[in-house]
Protein backbone atom coordinates (compact mmCIF):
# COMPACT_ATOMS: atom_id res chain seq x y z
CA UNK A 1 -4.23 22.17 27.57
CA UNK A 2 -6.06 22.96 23.61
CA UNK A 3 -10.03 23.56 23.77
CA UNK A 4 -12.39 21.48 21.34
CA UNK A 5 -13.28 24.55 19.54
CA UNK A 6 -9.51 25.89 19.17
CA UNK A 7 -8.76 22.29 17.62
CA UNK A 8 -11.89 22.50 15.78
CA UNK A 9 -10.55 26.11 14.44
CA UNK A 10 -7.25 24.74 13.61
CA UNK A 11 -8.92 21.77 11.44
CA UNK A 12 -11.28 24.41 9.76
CA UNK A 13 -8.28 26.65 8.94
CA UNK A 14 -6.17 23.47 7.04
CA UNK A 15 -9.76 23.74 4.53
CA UNK A 16 -8.02 22.54 1.19
CA UNK A 17 -4.86 21.21 3.00
CA UNK A 18 -4.14 17.78 2.59
CA UNK A 19 -2.66 15.02 5.16
CA UNK A 20 -0.33 13.41 3.60
CA UNK A 21 1.48 11.63 6.23
CA UNK A 22 1.86 10.67 9.80
CA UNK A 23 4.13 9.13 12.62
CA UNK A 24 3.87 8.50 15.76
CA UNK A 25 0.59 6.63 18.42
CA UNK A 26 -1.98 7.56 20.30
CA UNK A 27 0.27 9.34 22.87
CA UNK A 28 1.96 11.74 20.03
CA UNK A 29 0.66 11.72 16.67
CA UNK A 30 2.29 13.92 13.97
CA UNK A 31 0.31 14.98 10.45
CA UNK A 32 2.39 16.65 8.03
CA UNK A 33 -0.63 18.10 5.83
CA UNK A 34 -0.07 20.43 2.83
CA UNK A 35 -1.54 23.04 2.88
CA UNK A 36 0.79 25.86 0.62
CA UNK A 37 -1.32 28.12 0.23
CA UNK A 38 -1.32 29.30 4.00
CA UNK A 39 2.38 27.95 4.36
CA UNK A 40 4.21 30.28 1.99
CA UNK A 41 2.36 33.79 4.03
CA UNK A 42 5.14 32.69 6.84
CA UNK A 43 8.14 31.61 4.06
CA UNK A 44 7.33 31.68 0.66
CA UNK A 45 9.34 28.31 0.05
CA UNK A 46 7.16 26.30 2.85
CA UNK A 47 4.55 24.17 1.21
CA UNK A 48 3.64 22.65 4.59
CA UNK A 49 2.58 21.86 8.69
CA UNK A 50 3.48 19.85 11.19
CA UNK A 51 0.38 19.64 13.43
CA UNK A 52 1.24 17.04 16.51
CA UNK A 53 -2.16 15.24 18.58
CA UNK A 54 -1.43 15.15 21.62
CA UNK A 55 -2.96 12.18 24.38
CA UNK A 56 -5.68 10.77 21.48
CA UNK A 57 -8.99 8.83 23.73
CA UNK A 58 -10.08 8.32 20.19
CA UNK A 59 -9.71 8.33 16.80
CA UNK A 60 -11.67 7.39 13.78
CA UNK A 61 -12.90 7.17 10.43
CA UNK A 62 -15.96 6.98 8.63
CA UNK A 63 -15.42 4.38 5.37
CA UNK A 64 -17.78 3.34 2.65
CA UNK A 65 -17.43 0.43 0.65
CA UNK A 66 -15.91 1.21 -3.14
CA UNK A 67 -15.85 -1.40 -5.52
CA UNK A 68 -14.69 0.43 -8.83
CA UNK A 69 -18.39 0.24 -10.14
CA UNK A 70 -19.91 2.41 -7.19
CA UNK A 71 -19.82 3.75 -3.99
CA UNK A 72 -21.94 1.76 -1.60
CA UNK A 73 -23.93 3.87 0.87
CA UNK A 74 -24.96 1.84 3.46
CA UNK A 75 -23.21 2.31 7.63
CA UNK A 76 -20.44 3.66 7.53
CA UNK A 77 -17.20 0.72 8.37
CA UNK A 78 -15.55 3.04 11.91
CA UNK A 79 -11.83 2.34 11.39
CA UNK A 80 -9.91 2.82 14.08
CA UNK A 81 -6.77 1.67 13.69
CA UNK A 82 -3.98 5.00 13.03
CA UNK A 83 -1.96 2.82 10.08
CA UNK A 84 -5.46 2.43 8.35
CA UNK A 85 -6.86 5.90 8.70
CA UNK A 86 -3.35 7.51 7.27
CA UNK A 87 -2.73 4.97 4.62
CA UNK A 88 -3.54 7.59 1.65
CA UNK A 89 -3.54 11.43 2.15
CA UNK A 90 -6.64 12.64 3.13
CA UNK A 91 -8.04 15.97 2.27
CA UNK A 92 -9.79 18.73 4.56
CA UNK A 93 -12.64 20.60 4.17
CA UNK A 94 -14.21 22.15 7.86
CA UNK A 95 -14.66 21.17 11.11
CA UNK A 96 -16.86 21.06 13.63
CA UNK A 97 -17.74 19.73 17.67
CA UNK A 98 -19.94 16.40 17.54
CA UNK A 99 -20.73 15.40 21.12
CA UNK A 100 -17.26 14.81 22.44
CA UNK A 101 -16.06 14.90 18.59
CA UNK A 102 -13.65 17.09 17.05
CA UNK A 103 -15.14 15.73 13.83
CA UNK A 104 -13.56 17.02 10.46
CA UNK A 105 -15.42 16.68 6.78
CA UNK A 106 -12.91 15.34 5.06
CA UNK A 107 -11.94 12.98 1.66
CA UNK A 108 -10.10 10.32 1.61
CA UNK A 109 -10.11 7.43 -1.48
CA UNK A 110 -8.21 4.14 -0.55
CA UNK A 111 -7.85 1.90 -3.45
CA UNK A 112 -5.67 -0.48 -1.09
CA UNK A 113 -7.96 -0.67 0.85
CA UNK A 114 -11.16 -0.55 -1.43
CA UNK A 115 -12.83 2.19 0.68
CA UNK A 116 -13.94 6.18 0.57
CA UNK A 117 -14.15 7.96 3.78
CA UNK A 118 -15.79 11.34 4.05
CA UNK A 119 -15.60 12.66 8.16
CA UNK A 120 -12.50 11.62 10.53
CA UNK A 121 -13.57 12.19 14.27
CA UNK A 122 -10.62 12.99 17.15
CA UNK A 123 -11.10 13.45 20.76
CA UNK A 124 -7.73 14.19 22.34
CA UNK A 125 -6.17 16.58 25.25
CA UNK A 126 -4.61 18.74 22.66
CA UNK A 127 -3.08 20.29 19.31
CA UNK A 128 -0.06 21.49 18.69
CA UNK A 129 1.04 23.03 14.85
CA UNK A 130 4.31 24.01 13.56
CA UNK A 131 5.55 25.51 10.13
CA UNK A 132 7.82 23.85 7.95
CA UNK A 133 10.70 23.99 10.17
CA UNK A 134 9.06 23.13 13.16
CA UNK A 135 8.42 26.22 14.61
CA UNK A 136 5.93 26.28 17.02
CA UNK A 137 2.43 28.54 16.31
CA UNK A 138 0.63 29.77 18.80
CA UNK A 139 -3.19 29.03 18.07
CA UNK A 140 -4.27 33.11 17.42
CA UNK A 141 -0.91 33.22 15.16
CA UNK A 142 -2.32 30.60 13.27
CA UNK A 143 -5.69 31.66 13.49
CA UNK A 144 -4.34 35.31 12.13
CA UNK A 145 -2.25 33.37 9.65
CA UNK A 146 -6.04 32.09 8.33
CA UNK A 147 -7.86 35.50 8.77
CA UNK A 148 -4.76 37.62 6.27
CA UNK A 149 -5.42 34.74 4.29
CA UNK A 150 -9.15 34.56 3.51
CA UNK A 151 -9.31 38.23 3.72
CA UNK A 152 -6.93 39.22 0.84
CA UNK A 153 -8.46 36.81 -1.29
CA UNK A 154 -11.88 37.51 -0.41
CA UNK A 155 -11.04 41.55 -1.41
CA UNK A 156 -9.54 40.29 -4.54
CA UNK A 157 -12.86 38.66 -5.45
């Protein structure tokens, strides 16, 4: 069981990462996340992570019509189908808790479906993080990887 705050922390650590692909369903959804600057801290040849999202009770993506001339910013059109949500890459910025959801501030341009998206909400029972070789990473170890990276970046400026 992963707490909601731990899930928020995991997605926040993936700041500037990109969800490239997915597999699975609501019972077990696996995301492939490109986040080379963190992955190479585990192994210099690594580029991405896998994240398993377990027992999803809700998943939603807020989208806005993109008519090629401008984005129509009215009430969002909420997409709930996993295959549509992840039909294009999603850039991750940060995460927070909002009501019963982990809310991920993100950016997706989906030319196929004619929208842009900026908010992914997930409610699930747990999340597991794996390195590129599919070796499980504890939440505390993942937090340490993120802290070490960002502390190193801060010391370089």
